[in-house]
Amino acid sequence: MLLFKKKFLPAIRQGRKIQTIRLWKFRRMKPGQRSYIPGAGYIRITAVDEVQLDQLTDEDARPDGFDTADQLRAEIARLYPKQLAEGHKAYRIVFHLLPPEEQKK
């Protein structure tokens, strides 16, 4: 299960937010995995890649729902101060919302 702040749910449901960056000690998801986002529905993970936060570009930030990489980094710092301090790795999870016929499977 992937949890998101309520402000991101409309963009996920509309297919505008198709990735998220998470800070973990180790990779927790893998491509092909089916997962669930409360308030949005079931998703299929298409990629999970380790990324360097300081190397993210504005182009990297847009599928995450941000206009700039600086905005994305600021949100990550706000959401994950403890994980950043502990040196957790950053992972980009790319996903797509499953169509209604696949939501019940």
C-alpha atoms as a PDB file:
ATOM      1  CA  MET A   1       0.000   0.000   0.000  1.00  0.00           C
ATOM      2  CA  LEU A   2       1.177   3.503  -0.816  1.00  0.00           C
ATOM      3  CA  LEU A   3      -0.183   6.341   1.277  1.00  0.00           C
ATOM      4  CA  PHE A   4      -0.500   9.866  -0.103  1.00  0.00           C
ATOM      5  CA  LYS A   5      -1.608  13.196   1.295  1.00  0.00           C
ATOM      6  CA  LYS A   6      -5.189  14.012   0.245  1.00  0.00           C
ATOM      7  CA  LYS A   7      -3.990  16.925  -1.892  1.00  0.00           C
ATOM      8  CA  PHE A   8      -2.345  14.441  -4.316  1.00  0.00           C
ATOM      9  CA  LEU A   9      -5.332  12.114  -4.792  1.00  0.00           C
ATOM     10  CA  PRO A  10      -7.152  14.083  -7.545  1.00  0.00           C
ATOM     11  CA  ALA A  11      -3.972  14.174  -9.672  1.00  0.00           C
ATOM     12  CA  ILE A  12      -3.484  10.427  -9.169  1.00  0.00           C
ATOM     13  CA  ARG A  13      -7.093   9.674 -10.131  1.00  0.00           C
ATOM     14  CA  GLN A  14      -6.741  11.881 -13.228  1.00  0.00           C
ATOM     15  CA  GLY A  15      -3.463  10.226 -14.271  1.00  0.00           C
ATOM     16  CA  ARG A  16      -1.424  13.420 -13.851  1.00  0.00           C
ATOM     17  CA  LYS A  17       0.614  12.124 -10.895  1.00  0.00           C
ATOM     18  CA  ILE A  18       2.257   8.887 -11.987  1.00  0.00           C
ATOM     19  CA  GLN A  19       5.236   8.666  -9.674  1.00  0.00           C
ATOM     20  CA  THR A  20       6.352   9.248  -6.121  1.00  0.00           C
ATOM     21  CA  ILE A  21       9.705   9.478  -4.393  1.00  0.00           C
ATOM     22  CA  ARG A  22      10.028   7.539  -1.153  1.00  0.00           C
ATOM     23  CA  LEU A  23      12.901   7.339   1.314  1.00  0.00           C
ATOM     24  CA  TRP A  24      13.606   3.804   2.473  1.00  0.00           C
ATOM     25  CA  LYS A  25      16.521   1.873   3.969  1.00  0.00           C
ATOM     26  CA  PHE A  26      16.008  -0.674   1.176  1.00  0.00           C
ATOM     27  CA  ARG A  27      13.734  -1.134  -1.840  1.00  0.00           C
ATOM     28  CA  ARG A  28      10.218  -2.125  -0.720  1.00  0.00           C
ATOM     29  CA  MET A  29       8.465  -2.465  -4.076  1.00  0.00           C
ATOM     30  CA  LYS A  30       9.265  -3.957  -7.469  1.00  0.00           C
ATOM     31  CA  PRO A  31       8.106  -3.436 -11.062  1.00  0.00           C
ATOM     32  CA  GLY A  32       5.000  -5.413 -11.964  1.00  0.00           C
ATOM     33  CA  GLN A  33       3.696  -5.342  -8.407  1.00  0.00           C
ATOM     34  CA  ARG A  34       0.063  -4.422  -7.802  1.00  0.00           C
ATOM     35  CA  SER A  35      -0.528  -2.053  -4.909  1.00  0.00           C
ATOM     36  CA  TYR A  36      -3.293   0.078  -3.457  1.00  0.00           C
ATOM     37  CA  ILE A  37      -3.637   3.814  -2.848  1.00  0.00           C
ATOM     38  CA  PRO A  38      -6.474   4.596  -0.404  1.00  0.00           C
ATOM     39  CA  GLY A  39      -8.738   7.172  -2.015  1.00  0.00           C
ATOM     40  CA  ALA A  40      -7.502   6.417  -5.547  1.00  0.00           C
ATOM     41  CA  GLY A  41      -7.598   2.660  -6.100  1.00  0.00           C
ATOM     42  CA  TYR A  42      -5.315  -0.105  -7.285  1.00  0.00           C
ATOM     43  CA  ILE A  43      -2.148   0.662  -9.197  1.00  0.00           C
ATOM     44  CA  ARG A  44       0.498  -1.261 -11.107  1.00  0.00           C
ATOM     45  CA  ILE A  45       4.117  -0.406 -10.333  1.00  0.00           C
ATOM     46  CA  THR A  46       6.041  -0.034 -13.610  1.00  0.00           C
ATOM     47  CA  ALA A  47       9.473   0.994 -12.275  1.00  0.00           C
ATOM     48  CA  VAL A  48      11.360   1.398  -9.010  1.00  0.00           C
ATOM     49  CA  ASP A  49      14.726   3.131  -9.302  1.00  0.00           C
ATOM     50  CA  GLU A  50      17.132   4.565  -6.786  1.00  0.00           C
ATOM     51  CA  VAL A  51      17.670   8.288  -7.433  1.00  0.00           C
ATOM     52  CA  GLN A  52      19.907  11.021  -6.073  1.00  0.00           C
ATOM     53  CA  LEU A  53      17.734  13.862  -4.777  1.00  0.00           C
ATOM     54  CA  ASP A  54      20.294  16.530  -5.642  1.00  0.00           C
ATOM     55  CA  GLN A  55      20.376  15.343  -9.266  1.00  0.00           C
ATOM     56  CA  LEU A  56      16.615  15.483  -9.903  1.00  0.00           C
ATOM     57  CA  THR A  57      15.592  17.860 -12.695  1.00  0.00           C
ATOM     58  CA  ASP A  58      12.401  19.814 -13.282  1.00  0.00           C
ATOM     59  CA  GLU A  59      11.529  17.173 -15.885  1.00  0.00           C
ATOM     60  CA  ASP A  60      11.855  14.496 -13.177  1.00  0.00           C
ATOM     61  CA  ALA A  61       9.540  16.480 -10.883  1.00  0.00           C
ATOM     62  CA  ARG A  62       6.595  16.932 -13.263  1.00  0.00           C
ATOM     63  CA  PRO A  63       5.279  13.311 -13.226  1.00  0.00           C
ATOM     64  CA  ASP A  64       5.361  13.630  -9.426  1.00  0.00           C
ATOM     65  CA  GLY A  65       2.984  16.596  -9.567  1.00  0.00           C
ATOM     66  CA  PHE A  66       5.534  19.390  -9.064  1.00  0.00           C
ATOM     67  CA  ASP A  67       6.629  22.143 -11.449  1.00  0.00           C
ATOM     68  CA  THR A  68      10.242  22.147 -10.309  1.00  0.00           C
ATOM     69  CA  ALA A  69      12.773  19.824  -8.727  1.00  0.00           C
ATOM     70  CA  ASP A  70      13.247  22.372  -5.937  1.00  0.00           C
ATOM     71  CA  GLN A  71       9.537  22.126  -5.054  1.00  0.00           C
ATOM     72  CA  LEU A  72       9.788  18.335  -5.033  1.00  0.00           C
ATOM     73  CA  ARG A  73      12.898  18.366  -2.834  1.00  0.00           C
ATOM     74  CA  ALA A  74      11.226  20.810  -0.423  1.00  0.00           C
ATOM     75  CA  GLU A  75       8.194  18.512  -0.103  1.00  0.00           C
ATOM     76  CA  ILE A  76      10.441  15.488   0.484  1.00  0.00           C
ATOM     77  CA  ALA A  77      12.347  17.409   3.174  1.00  0.00           C
ATOM     78  CA  ARG A  78       9.048  18.370   4.829  1.00  0.00           C
ATOM     79  CA  LEU A  79       7.627  14.824   4.724  1.00  0.00           C
ATOM     80  CA  TYR A  80      10.769  12.827   5.512  1.00  0.00           C
ATOM     81  CA  PRO A  81      13.097  14.814   7.825  1.00  0.00           C
ATOM     82  CA  LYS A  82      13.934  11.781   9.961  1.00  0.00           C
ATOM     83  CA  GLN A  83      14.667   9.534   6.961  1.00  0.00           C
ATOM     84  CA  LEU A  84      16.875  12.217   5.386  1.00  0.00           C
ATOM     85  CA  ALA A  85      18.804  12.608   8.646  1.00  0.00           C
ATOM     86  CA  GLU A  86      19.263   8.837   8.874  1.00  0.00           C
ATOM     87  CA  GLY A  87      20.607   8.622   5.308  1.00  0.00           C
ATOM     88  CA  HIS A  88      17.817   6.547   3.766  1.00  0.00           C
ATOM     89  CA  LYS A  89      17.971   5.997   0.012  1.00  0.00           C
ATOM     90  CA  ALA A  90      15.561   7.774  -2.349  1.00  0.00           C
ATOM     91  CA  TYR A  91      13.496   5.604  -4.683  1.00  0.00           C
ATOM     92  CA  ARG A  92      11.354   6.798  -7.579  1.00  0.00           C
ATOM     93  CA  ILE A  93       8.246   4.622  -7.911  1.00  0.00           C
ATOM     94  CA  VAL A  94       6.490   4.937 -11.276  1.00  0.00           C
ATOM     95  CA  PHE A  95       2.920   3.624 -11.439  1.00  0.00           C
ATOM     96  CA  HIS A  96      -0.359   3.774 -13.306  1.00  0.00           C
ATOM     97  CA  LEU A  97      -3.860   3.562 -11.952  1.00  0.00           C
ATOM     98  CA  LEU A  98      -5.533   0.342 -13.006  1.00  0.00           C
ATOM     99  CA  PRO A  99      -8.714   0.638 -15.094  1.00  0.00           C
ATOM    100  CA  PRO A 100     -12.059   0.016 -13.354  1.00  0.00           C
ATOM    101  CA  GLU A 101     -12.315  -3.584 -14.630  1.00  0.00           C
ATOM    102  CA  GLU A 102      -9.005  -4.416 -12.901  1.00  0.00           C
ATOM    103  CA  GLN A 103      -9.823  -2.643  -9.634  1.00  0.00           C
ATOM    104  CA  LYS A 104     -11.795  -5.604  -8.259  1.00  0.00           C
ATOM    105  CA  LYS A 105      -9.346  -8.404  -9.104  1.00  0.00           C
END
